Amino acid sequence: MSKAEKLVERFRRLPKDFSWDEMARLLGAMGYAEEKPTGKTGGSRRKFVHSSGHIINLHKPHPGNTVKGYAMKDVLTALEEEGLL
């Protein structure tokens, strides 16, 4: 099993300690490129854009690094609807 496959399996279990770095790697493995914020008002919002044009918007957690449960469920639903999981 590859690292990406292991990460997907971990994500599907919706663990409470899933980090932002793991989320970025997962979405990168699914074909999403992270779009960095621009200007002063970019804040902690991040867009992940798929080559098909599909966009996943997330709030980068701070001061911690753990992705919130509701965000993980939203990403899981979006990936399933896009047929990527």
N, C-alpha and C. Protein backbone atom coordinates (compact mmCIF):
# COMPACT_ATOMS: atom_id res chain seq x y z
N MET A 1 0.84 -1.17 0.00
CA MET A 1 0.00 0.00 0.00
C MET A 1 0.90 1.25 0.00
N SER A 2 0.62 2.19 -0.89
CA SER A 2 1.45 3.39 -0.99
C SER A 2 1.12 4.37 0.14
N LYS A 3 1.96 5.37 0.28
CA LYS A 3 1.73 6.39 1.31
C LYS A 3 0.42 7.12 1.07
N ALA A 4 0.14 7.41 -0.20
CA ALA A 4 -1.11 8.11 -0.53
C ALA A 4 -2.32 7.26 -0.17
N GLU A 5 -2.25 5.96 -0.44
CA GLU A 5 -3.36 5.07 -0.11
C GLU A 5 -3.56 4.98 1.39
N LYS A 6 -2.47 4.94 2.14
CA LYS A 6 -2.56 4.91 3.60
C LYS A 6 -3.18 6.19 4.12
N LEU A 7 -2.82 7.32 3.51
CA LEU A 7 -3.36 8.61 3.92
C LEU A 7 -4.87 8.67 3.64
N VAL A 8 -5.29 8.14 2.50
CA VAL A 8 -6.72 8.10 2.17
C VAL A 8 -7.47 7.24 3.17
N GLU A 9 -6.93 6.09 3.50
CA GLU A 9 -7.56 5.21 4.48
C GLU A 9 -7.69 5.90 5.83
N ARG A 10 -6.65 6.58 6.24
CA ARG A 10 -6.68 7.32 7.52
C ARG A 10 -7.75 8.41 7.46
N PHE A 11 -7.80 9.14 6.36
CA PHE A 11 -8.77 10.23 6.20
C PHE A 11 -10.20 9.71 6.26
N ARG A 12 -10.46 8.58 5.61
CA ARG A 12 -11.82 8.01 5.58
C ARG A 12 -12.34 7.68 6.97
N ARG A 13 -11.45 7.43 7.92
CA ARG A 13 -11.86 7.14 9.30
C ARG A 13 -12.20 8.43 10.06
N LEU A 14 -11.96 9.61 9.45
CA LEU A 14 -12.21 10.92 10.04
C LEU A 14 -11.61 11.04 11.45
N PRO A 15 -10.29 10.85 11.55
CA PRO A 15 -9.64 10.94 12.86
C PRO A 15 -9.69 12.37 13.40
N LYS A 16 -9.69 12.50 14.70
CA LYS A 16 -9.75 13.82 15.33
C LYS A 16 -8.40 14.53 15.32
N ASP A 17 -7.34 13.83 14.92
CA ASP A 17 -6.01 14.45 14.93
C ASP A 17 -5.42 14.59 13.52
N PHE A 18 -6.27 14.76 12.50
CA PHE A 18 -5.82 14.90 11.12
C PHE A 18 -5.26 16.31 10.94
N SER A 19 -4.00 16.41 10.56
CA SER A 19 -3.33 17.71 10.50
C SER A 19 -3.57 18.42 9.16
N TRP A 20 -3.31 19.71 9.14
CA TRP A 20 -3.42 20.51 7.92
C TRP A 20 -2.45 20.00 6.86
N ASP A 21 -1.25 19.64 7.27
CA ASP A 21 -0.26 19.13 6.32
C ASP A 21 -0.75 17.84 5.67
N GLU A 22 -1.39 16.98 6.45
CA GLU A 22 -1.94 15.74 5.89
C GLU A 22 -3.06 16.05 4.90
N MET A 23 -3.89 17.04 5.23
CA MET A 23 -4.99 17.43 4.33
C MET A 23 -4.44 17.96 3.01
N ALA A 24 -3.40 18.79 3.08
CA ALA A 24 -2.80 19.34 1.87
C ALA A 24 -2.18 18.23 1.03
N ARG A 25 -1.53 17.25 1.66
CA ARG A 25 -0.95 16.11 0.92
C ARG A 25 -2.05 15.27 0.29
N LEU A 26 -3.12 15.03 1.03
CA LEU A 26 -4.24 14.24 0.53
C LEU A 26 -4.84 14.90 -0.71
N LEU A 27 -5.14 16.18 -0.60
CA LEU A 27 -5.75 16.87 -1.73
C LEU A 27 -4.78 16.97 -2.91
N GLY A 28 -3.50 17.13 -2.63
CA GLY A 28 -2.50 17.13 -3.69
C GLY A 28 -2.46 15.80 -4.42
N ALA A 29 -2.59 14.71 -3.68
CA ALA A 29 -2.59 13.37 -4.28
C ALA A 29 -3.84 13.15 -5.12
N MET A 30 -4.93 13.87 -4.79
CA MET A 30 -6.19 13.76 -5.53
C MET A 30 -6.23 14.68 -6.75
N GLY A 31 -5.16 15.45 -6.96
CA GLY A 31 -5.11 16.31 -8.14
C GLY A 31 -5.47 17.76 -7.88
N TYR A 32 -5.56 18.14 -6.61
CA TYR A 32 -5.87 19.53 -6.26
C TYR A 32 -4.58 20.28 -5.98
N ALA A 33 -4.49 21.49 -6.51
CA ALA A 33 -3.34 22.35 -6.24
C ALA A 33 -3.80 23.45 -5.29
N GLU A 34 -3.00 23.71 -4.25
CA GLU A 34 -3.37 24.74 -3.28
C GLU A 34 -3.10 26.11 -3.87
N GLU A 35 -4.10 26.96 -3.76
CA GLU A 35 -3.96 28.33 -4.21
C GLU A 35 -3.71 29.20 -2.98
N LYS A 36 -2.57 29.85 -2.94
CA LYS A 36 -2.19 30.66 -1.80
C LYS A 36 -3.04 31.92 -1.73
N PRO A 37 -3.23 32.46 -0.52
CA PRO A 37 -3.99 33.70 -0.40
C PRO A 37 -3.20 34.86 -0.99
N THR A 38 -3.91 35.85 -1.46
CA THR A 38 -3.24 37.01 -2.03
C THR A 38 -3.67 38.26 -1.29
N GLY A 39 -2.79 39.22 -1.23
CA GLY A 39 -3.11 40.50 -0.61
C GLY A 39 -3.27 40.43 0.89
N LYS A 40 -3.72 41.52 1.45
CA LYS A 40 -3.86 41.63 2.90
C LYS A 40 -5.06 40.87 3.44
N THR A 41 -6.08 40.67 2.63
CA THR A 41 -7.32 40.07 3.13
C THR A 41 -7.41 38.57 2.89
N GLY A 42 -6.37 37.93 2.43
CA GLY A 42 -6.40 36.49 2.17
C GLY A 42 -6.60 35.69 3.43
N GLY A 43 -6.04 36.16 4.52
CA GLY A 43 -6.22 35.49 5.80
C GLY A 43 -5.85 34.03 5.76
N SER A 44 -6.64 33.22 6.47
CA SER A 44 -6.33 31.80 6.56
C SER A 44 -7.21 30.95 5.64
N ARG A 45 -7.98 31.59 4.78
CA ARG A 45 -8.78 30.82 3.81
C ARG A 45 -7.87 30.32 2.70
N ARG A 46 -8.07 29.06 2.32
CA ARG A 46 -7.28 28.46 1.24
C ARG A 46 -8.21 27.79 0.26
N LYS A 47 -7.87 27.87 -1.02
CA LYS A 47 -8.61 27.20 -2.08
C LYS A 47 -7.73 26.09 -2.63
N PHE A 48 -8.34 24.95 -2.85
CA PHE A 48 -7.68 23.84 -3.52
C PHE A 48 -8.44 23.64 -4.82
N VAL A 49 -7.74 23.79 -5.94
CA VAL A 49 -8.37 23.77 -7.25
C VAL A 49 -7.94 22.50 -8.00
N HIS A 50 -8.94 21.73 -8.45
CA HIS A 50 -8.68 20.52 -9.22
C HIS A 50 -8.53 20.88 -10.69
N SER A 51 -7.86 20.05 -11.43
CA SER A 51 -7.67 20.30 -12.86
C SER A 51 -9.00 20.34 -13.62
N SER A 52 -10.04 19.73 -13.05
CA SER A 52 -11.37 19.76 -13.67
C SER A 52 -12.10 21.07 -13.41
N GLY A 53 -11.52 21.89 -12.52
CA GLY A 53 -12.14 23.17 -12.18
C GLY A 53 -12.86 23.15 -10.84
N HIS A 54 -13.04 21.98 -10.25
CA HIS A 54 -13.71 21.88 -8.95
C HIS A 54 -12.84 22.54 -7.87
N ILE A 55 -13.48 23.29 -6.98
CA ILE A 55 -12.76 24.02 -5.94
C ILE A 55 -13.24 23.56 -4.57
N ILE A 56 -12.29 23.33 -3.67
CA ILE A 56 -12.59 23.05 -2.27
C ILE A 56 -12.01 24.21 -1.46
N ASN A 57 -12.90 24.91 -0.73
CA ASN A 57 -12.48 26.02 0.13
C ASN A 57 -12.35 25.52 1.55
N LEU A 58 -11.22 25.83 2.17
CA LEU A 58 -10.98 25.43 3.56
C LEU A 58 -10.41 26.60 4.35
N HIS A 59 -10.63 26.55 5.64
CA HIS A 59 -10.04 27.51 6.55
C HIS A 59 -8.84 26.82 7.21
N LYS A 60 -7.66 27.37 7.01
CA LYS A 60 -6.47 26.78 7.62
C LYS A 60 -6.54 27.00 9.13
N PRO A 61 -6.47 25.91 9.89
CA PRO A 61 -6.63 26.05 11.35
C PRO A 61 -5.46 26.80 11.98
N HIS A 62 -5.79 27.57 13.00
CA HIS A 62 -4.77 28.27 13.77
C HIS A 62 -5.35 28.58 15.13
N PRO A 63 -4.64 28.65 16.19
CA PRO A 63 -3.19 28.51 16.26
C PRO A 63 -2.73 27.06 16.16
N GLY A 64 -3.66 26.11 16.27
CA GLY A 64 -3.29 24.70 16.14
C GLY A 64 -3.13 24.30 14.69
N ASN A 65 -2.96 23.00 14.47
CA ASN A 65 -2.73 22.50 13.12
C ASN A 65 -3.71 21.38 12.77
N THR A 66 -4.74 21.16 13.62
CA THR A 66 -5.67 20.07 13.42
C THR A 66 -6.91 20.55 12.67
N VAL A 67 -7.27 19.83 11.61
CA VAL A 67 -8.43 20.18 10.80
C VAL A 67 -9.69 19.82 11.58
N LYS A 68 -10.67 20.74 11.56
CA LYS A 68 -11.93 20.53 12.28
C LYS A 68 -12.73 19.40 11.64
N GLY A 69 -13.52 18.73 12.47
CA GLY A 69 -14.33 17.61 12.01
C GLY A 69 -15.30 17.96 10.90
N TYR A 70 -15.97 19.12 11.02
CA TYR A 70 -16.94 19.51 10.00
C TYR A 70 -16.25 19.74 8.65
N ALA A 71 -15.03 20.26 8.68
CA ALA A 71 -14.29 20.49 7.43
C ALA A 71 -13.91 19.16 6.79
N MET A 72 -13.52 18.20 7.61
CA MET A 72 -13.16 16.88 7.07
C MET A 72 -14.37 16.21 6.43
N LYS A 73 -15.54 16.33 7.07
CA LYS A 73 -16.75 15.74 6.50
C LYS A 73 -17.10 16.41 5.18
N ASP A 74 -16.96 17.73 5.12
CA ASP A 74 -17.23 18.46 3.88
C ASP A 74 -16.30 18.01 2.76
N VAL A 75 -15.02 17.84 3.07
CA VAL A 75 -14.05 17.41 2.06
C VAL A 75 -14.36 15.98 1.61
N LEU A 76 -14.69 15.11 2.55
CA LEU A 76 -15.03 13.73 2.22
C LEU A 76 -16.23 13.70 1.27
N THR A 77 -17.25 14.47 1.59
CA THR A 77 -18.45 14.54 0.74
C THR A 77 -18.09 15.06 -0.66
N ALA A 78 -17.30 16.12 -0.71
CA ALA A 78 -16.91 16.71 -2.00
C ALA A 78 -16.12 15.72 -2.85
N LEU A 79 -15.17 15.01 -2.23
CA LEU A 79 -14.36 14.05 -2.97
C LEU A 79 -15.21 12.87 -3.47
N GLU A 80 -16.19 12.45 -2.66
CA GLU A 80 -17.07 11.37 -3.09
C GLU A 80 -17.97 11.83 -4.24
N GLU A 81 -18.48 13.06 -4.15
CA GLU A 81 -19.35 13.58 -5.20
C GLU A 81 -18.59 13.74 -6.52
N GLU A 82 -17.30 14.06 -6.43
CA GLU A 82 -16.47 14.21 -7.63
C GLU A 82 -15.99 12.86 -8.16
N GLY A 83 -16.26 11.79 -7.44
CA GLY A 83 -15.87 10.45 -7.86
C GLY A 83 -14.39 10.16 -7.64
N LEU A 84 -13.77 10.91 -6.73
CA LEU A 84 -12.35 10.70 -6.46
C LEU A 84 -12.12 9.73 -5.31
N LEU A 85 -13.14 9.45 -4.53
CA LEU A 85 -13.06 8.46 -3.45
C LEU A 85 -14.18 7.45 -3.60
